Amino acid sequence: MRHTAYKVSTTRNDYGDYVHGAETALPCHFRYITQHVPGGSNETVNSDALVWFEPDSGVVEADVLRVDGVYFRVERVIKARRLRDPTVQFIKCELLRYGVIS
């Protein structure tokens, strides 16, 4: 894996904003690739980036990641498997750029 993403543990303050906590470094492949992502309630959004992790990375939807000083929120996690093999080879995450975390 060529890049490093930092999984940011966050809490919420009284106003509902994320507050920055500890970070965990995760090796990954990262690319700024926009993609059409259908959302709930007939909404559609574009993902701002894609990132690929090892299957045991622990990344799930709604996690906040920091890559090259930019914060992203994981919108969707896709598990990649080979045909007729239940073993997960890697996970691909669609990311949306997230605002500043205090």
N, C-alpha and C. Protein backbone atom coordinates (compact mmCIF):
# COMPACT_ATOMS: atom_id res chain seq x y z
N MET A 1 0.85 -1.17 0.00
CA MET A 1 0.00 0.00 0.00
C MET A 1 0.90 1.24 0.00
N ARG A 2 0.52 2.20 -0.80
CA ARG A 2 1.41 3.34 -1.04
C ARG A 2 1.12 4.58 -0.21
N HIS A 3 -0.07 4.69 0.34
CA HIS A 3 -0.46 5.89 1.08
C HIS A 3 -0.79 5.53 2.52
N THR A 4 -1.00 6.57 3.32
CA THR A 4 -1.43 6.38 4.70
C THR A 4 -2.65 7.23 4.96
N ALA A 5 -3.70 6.59 5.45
CA ALA A 5 -4.90 7.30 5.88
C ALA A 5 -4.96 7.20 7.40
N TYR A 6 -5.45 8.23 8.03
CA TYR A 6 -5.56 8.23 9.48
C TYR A 6 -7.03 8.18 9.85
N LYS A 7 -7.43 7.10 10.53
CA LYS A 7 -8.80 6.97 11.02
C LYS A 7 -8.90 7.78 12.29
N VAL A 8 -9.77 8.76 12.29
CA VAL A 8 -9.89 9.71 13.39
C VAL A 8 -11.04 9.28 14.29
N SER A 9 -10.74 9.01 15.55
CA SER A 9 -11.82 8.73 16.49
C SER A 9 -12.39 10.09 16.92
N THR A 10 -13.69 10.22 16.79
CA THR A 10 -14.32 11.51 17.06
C THR A 10 -15.42 11.36 18.09
N THR A 11 -15.72 12.47 18.72
CA THR A 11 -16.87 12.58 19.60
C THR A 11 -17.68 13.77 19.11
N ARG A 12 -18.86 13.95 19.63
CA ARG A 12 -19.70 15.08 19.25
C ARG A 12 -19.80 16.05 20.42
N ASN A 13 -19.75 17.36 20.11
CA ASN A 13 -19.92 18.36 21.16
C ASN A 13 -21.41 18.70 21.30
N ASP A 14 -21.72 19.70 22.11
CA ASP A 14 -23.12 20.07 22.37
C ASP A 14 -23.85 20.55 21.11
N TYR A 15 -23.10 21.00 20.11
CA TYR A 15 -23.71 21.52 18.89
C TYR A 15 -23.79 20.47 17.78
N GLY A 16 -23.34 19.25 18.06
CA GLY A 16 -23.38 18.17 17.08
C GLY A 16 -22.18 18.12 16.17
N ASP A 17 -21.20 18.98 16.41
CA ASP A 17 -19.99 18.98 15.59
C ASP A 17 -19.03 17.89 16.07
N TYR A 18 -18.23 17.37 15.12
CA TYR A 18 -17.22 16.38 15.48
C TYR A 18 -16.05 17.06 16.18
N VAL A 19 -15.54 16.41 17.22
CA VAL A 19 -14.36 16.87 17.94
C VAL A 19 -13.27 15.82 17.73
N HIS A 20 -12.12 16.28 17.29
CA HIS A 20 -10.99 15.41 16.94
C HIS A 20 -10.48 14.65 18.15
N GLY A 21 -10.25 13.34 17.97
CA GLY A 21 -9.69 12.50 19.02
C GLY A 21 -8.40 11.86 18.55
N ALA A 22 -8.16 10.66 18.99
CA ALA A 22 -6.95 9.93 18.61
C ALA A 22 -7.02 9.49 17.15
N GLU A 23 -5.85 9.27 16.55
CA GLU A 23 -5.77 8.83 15.16
C GLU A 23 -5.07 7.47 15.09
N THR A 24 -5.51 6.66 14.13
CA THR A 24 -4.89 5.37 13.86
C THR A 24 -4.44 5.37 12.42
N ALA A 25 -3.16 5.10 12.18
CA ALA A 25 -2.61 5.09 10.82
C ALA A 25 -2.96 3.76 10.15
N LEU A 26 -3.46 3.85 8.90
CA LEU A 26 -3.82 2.67 8.12
C LEU A 26 -3.19 2.77 6.74
N PRO A 27 -2.48 1.74 6.29
CA PRO A 27 -1.94 1.76 4.92
C PRO A 27 -3.10 1.60 3.92
N CYS A 28 -3.00 2.30 2.78
CA CYS A 28 -4.08 2.27 1.80
C CYS A 28 -3.58 2.69 0.43
N HIS A 29 -4.46 2.56 -0.55
CA HIS A 29 -4.30 3.19 -1.86
C HIS A 29 -5.37 4.27 -1.92
N PHE A 30 -5.01 5.47 -2.32
CA PHE A 30 -5.94 6.60 -2.32
C PHE A 30 -5.90 7.31 -3.66
N ARG A 31 -7.07 7.67 -4.16
CA ARG A 31 -7.17 8.43 -5.41
C ARG A 31 -8.32 9.42 -5.33
N TYR A 32 -8.08 10.63 -5.84
CA TYR A 32 -9.16 11.59 -6.01
C TYR A 32 -9.91 11.20 -7.27
N ILE A 33 -10.99 10.46 -7.13
CA ILE A 33 -11.82 10.03 -8.25
C ILE A 33 -13.27 10.35 -7.88
N THR A 34 -13.91 11.17 -8.67
CA THR A 34 -15.31 11.47 -8.41
C THR A 34 -16.17 10.38 -9.01
N GLN A 35 -17.25 10.07 -8.32
CA GLN A 35 -18.12 8.99 -8.73
C GLN A 35 -19.53 9.31 -8.28
N HIS A 36 -20.51 8.90 -9.05
CA HIS A 36 -21.91 9.10 -8.72
C HIS A 36 -22.34 8.08 -7.68
N VAL A 37 -22.83 8.55 -6.53
CA VAL A 37 -23.24 7.67 -5.45
C VAL A 37 -24.71 7.95 -5.13
N PRO A 38 -25.62 6.99 -5.37
CA PRO A 38 -27.02 7.22 -5.01
C PRO A 38 -27.17 7.20 -3.49
N GLY A 39 -27.89 8.16 -2.96
CA GLY A 39 -28.10 8.23 -1.52
C GLY A 39 -29.53 7.92 -1.16
N GLY A 40 -29.86 8.00 0.11
CA GLY A 40 -31.22 7.76 0.57
C GLY A 40 -32.13 8.92 0.22
N SER A 41 -33.43 8.70 0.28
CA SER A 41 -34.45 9.72 0.01
C SER A 41 -34.31 10.30 -1.39
N ASN A 42 -33.98 9.47 -2.36
CA ASN A 42 -33.84 9.89 -3.76
C ASN A 42 -32.80 10.98 -3.96
N GLU A 43 -31.83 11.07 -3.08
CA GLU A 43 -30.75 12.02 -3.24
C GLU A 43 -29.61 11.36 -4.01
N THR A 44 -28.86 12.16 -4.72
CA THR A 44 -27.66 11.65 -5.35
C THR A 44 -26.51 12.60 -5.02
N VAL A 45 -25.38 12.03 -4.73
CA VAL A 45 -24.20 12.82 -4.41
C VAL A 45 -23.03 12.25 -5.20
N ASN A 46 -22.00 13.00 -5.32
CA ASN A 46 -20.78 12.52 -5.95
C ASN A 46 -19.75 12.24 -4.88
N SER A 47 -19.07 11.12 -4.99
CA SER A 47 -17.99 10.87 -4.05
C SER A 47 -16.79 11.70 -4.52
N ASP A 48 -16.02 12.16 -3.58
CA ASP A 48 -14.86 13.00 -3.90
C ASP A 48 -13.59 12.19 -4.08
N ALA A 49 -13.55 10.99 -3.50
CA ALA A 49 -12.34 10.18 -3.57
C ALA A 49 -12.68 8.72 -3.31
N LEU A 50 -11.77 7.85 -3.69
CA LEU A 50 -11.88 6.42 -3.40
C LEU A 50 -10.62 5.99 -2.67
N VAL A 51 -10.78 5.04 -1.77
CA VAL A 51 -9.64 4.51 -1.02
C VAL A 51 -9.82 3.01 -0.85
N TRP A 52 -8.71 2.28 -0.93
CA TRP A 52 -8.72 0.83 -0.80
C TRP A 52 -7.90 0.44 0.42
N PHE A 53 -8.46 -0.46 1.25
CA PHE A 53 -7.81 -0.92 2.48
C PHE A 53 -7.71 -2.44 2.49
N GLU A 54 -6.87 -2.94 3.39
CA GLU A 54 -6.84 -4.37 3.69
C GLU A 54 -8.18 -4.74 4.33
N PRO A 55 -8.62 -5.99 4.19
CA PRO A 55 -9.94 -6.37 4.72
C PRO A 55 -10.06 -6.30 6.24
N ASP A 56 -8.94 -6.34 6.96
CA ASP A 56 -8.98 -6.29 8.43
C ASP A 56 -8.71 -4.89 8.99
N SER A 57 -8.89 -3.87 8.18
CA SER A 57 -8.56 -2.50 8.60
C SER A 57 -9.53 -1.94 9.64
N GLY A 58 -10.76 -2.44 9.67
CA GLY A 58 -11.74 -1.94 10.65
C GLY A 58 -12.47 -0.69 10.21
N VAL A 59 -12.35 -0.29 8.96
CA VAL A 59 -13.04 0.90 8.47
C VAL A 59 -14.49 0.54 8.16
N VAL A 60 -15.42 1.35 8.65
CA VAL A 60 -16.85 1.15 8.42
C VAL A 60 -17.48 2.46 7.96
N GLU A 61 -18.74 2.39 7.51
CA GLU A 61 -19.44 3.59 7.06
C GLU A 61 -19.52 4.60 8.20
N ALA A 62 -19.46 5.86 7.84
CA ALA A 62 -19.54 7.02 8.73
C ALA A 62 -18.25 7.29 9.49
N ASP A 63 -17.19 6.50 9.26
CA ASP A 63 -15.89 6.82 9.86
C ASP A 63 -15.34 8.10 9.23
N VAL A 64 -14.54 8.81 9.99
CA VAL A 64 -13.88 10.01 9.50
C VAL A 64 -12.40 9.66 9.28
N LEU A 65 -11.91 9.96 8.07
CA LEU A 65 -10.53 9.68 7.70
C LEU A 65 -9.82 10.98 7.36
N ARG A 66 -8.53 11.03 7.65
CA ARG A 66 -7.70 12.17 7.23
C ARG A 66 -6.64 11.65 6.29
N VAL A 67 -6.62 12.19 5.08
CA VAL A 67 -5.63 11.81 4.08
C VAL A 67 -5.00 13.08 3.55
N ASP A 68 -3.70 13.20 3.65
CA ASP A 68 -2.96 14.38 3.20
C ASP A 68 -3.54 15.67 3.76
N GLY A 69 -3.95 15.65 5.02
CA GLY A 69 -4.46 16.85 5.69
C GLY A 69 -5.90 17.20 5.36
N VAL A 70 -6.59 16.38 4.58
CA VAL A 70 -7.98 16.63 4.21
C VAL A 70 -8.85 15.58 4.89
N TYR A 71 -9.96 16.03 5.48
CA TYR A 71 -10.87 15.10 6.16
C TYR A 71 -11.93 14.60 5.19
N PHE A 72 -12.24 13.31 5.31
CA PHE A 72 -13.26 12.67 4.50
C PHE A 72 -14.15 11.83 5.40
N ARG A 73 -15.40 11.65 4.96
CA ARG A 73 -16.34 10.77 5.66
C ARG A 73 -16.60 9.58 4.75
N VAL A 74 -16.55 8.37 5.30
CA VAL A 74 -16.79 7.15 4.52
C VAL A 74 -18.29 7.04 4.28
N GLU A 75 -18.68 7.06 3.01
CA GLU A 75 -20.08 6.97 2.64
C GLU A 75 -20.52 5.54 2.35
N ARG A 76 -19.64 4.75 1.77
CA ARG A 76 -20.00 3.38 1.42
C ARG A 76 -18.75 2.51 1.45
N VAL A 77 -18.91 1.28 1.94
CA VAL A 77 -17.83 0.30 1.99
C VAL A 77 -18.24 -0.88 1.12
N ILE A 78 -17.37 -1.24 0.19
CA ILE A 78 -17.63 -2.35 -0.72
C ILE A 78 -16.56 -3.42 -0.46
N LYS A 79 -17.01 -4.64 -0.17
CA LYS A 79 -16.09 -5.74 0.09
C LYS A 79 -15.84 -6.50 -1.21
N ALA A 80 -14.59 -6.62 -1.60
CA ALA A 80 -14.22 -7.28 -2.85
C ALA A 80 -13.88 -8.75 -2.57
N ARG A 81 -14.58 -9.62 -3.30
CA ARG A 81 -14.34 -11.06 -3.18
C ARG A 81 -14.11 -11.64 -4.57
N ARG A 82 -13.41 -12.75 -4.62
CA ARG A 82 -13.25 -13.48 -5.88
C ARG A 82 -14.50 -14.33 -6.11
N LEU A 83 -14.74 -14.67 -7.35
CA LEU A 83 -15.88 -15.49 -7.71
C LEU A 83 -15.81 -16.84 -6.98
N ARG A 84 -16.89 -17.21 -6.32
CA ARG A 84 -17.01 -18.48 -5.58
C ARG A 84 -16.03 -18.60 -4.40
N ASP A 85 -15.57 -17.48 -3.90
CA ASP A 85 -14.66 -17.49 -2.75
C ASP A 85 -15.19 -16.49 -1.73
N PRO A 86 -15.57 -16.93 -0.53
CA PRO A 86 -16.15 -16.00 0.45
C PRO A 86 -15.12 -15.09 1.13
N THR A 87 -13.84 -15.31 0.90
CA THR A 87 -12.80 -14.52 1.54
C THR A 87 -12.75 -13.11 0.94
N VAL A 88 -12.75 -12.10 1.81
CA VAL A 88 -12.66 -10.71 1.35
C VAL A 88 -11.20 -10.42 1.01
N GLN A 89 -10.95 -9.94 -0.21
CA GLN A 89 -9.60 -9.63 -0.68
C GLN A 89 -9.16 -8.24 -0.23
N PHE A 90 -10.06 -7.27 -0.35
CA PHE A 90 -9.80 -5.90 0.08
C PHE A 90 -11.14 -5.19 0.19
N ILE A 91 -11.14 -3.99 0.78
CA ILE A 91 -12.36 -3.18 0.81
C ILE A 91 -12.10 -1.87 0.09
N LYS A 92 -13.13 -1.40 -0.61
CA LYS A 92 -13.08 -0.12 -1.31
C LYS A 92 -14.09 0.80 -0.64
N CYS A 93 -13.67 2.02 -0.36
CA CYS A 93 -14.53 2.99 0.32
C CYS A 93 -14.74 4.21 -0.56
N GLU A 94 -15.98 4.66 -0.64
CA GLU A 94 -16.30 5.90 -1.32
C GLU A 94 -16.34 7.01 -0.27
N LEU A 95 -15.62 8.09 -0.55
CA LEU A 95 -15.44 9.16 0.43
C LEU A 95 -16.06 10.46 -0.02
N LEU A 96 -16.61 11.20 0.93
CA LEU A 96 -17.05 12.57 0.70
C LEU A 96 -16.18 13.49 1.55
N ARG A 97 -15.79 14.59 0.95
CA ARG A 97 -14.97 15.55 1.68
C ARG A 97 -15.77 16.08 2.86
N TYR A 98 -15.11 16.19 4.00
CA TYR A 98 -15.76 16.63 5.21
C TYR A 98 -15.14 17.93 5.67
N GLY A 99 -15.90 18.74 6.34
CA GLY A 99 -15.43 20.04 6.80
C GLY A 99 -14.37 19.93 7.89
N VAL A 100 -14.08 21.02 8.50
CA VAL A 100 -13.06 21.10 9.54
C VAL A 100 -13.55 20.41 10.80
N ILE A 101 -12.66 19.68 11.43
CA ILE A 101 -12.96 19.04 12.71
C ILE A 101 -12.15 19.77 13.77
N SER A 102 -12.86 20.23 14.80
CA SER A 102 -12.16 21.00 15.84
C SER A 102 -11.48 20.12 16.84
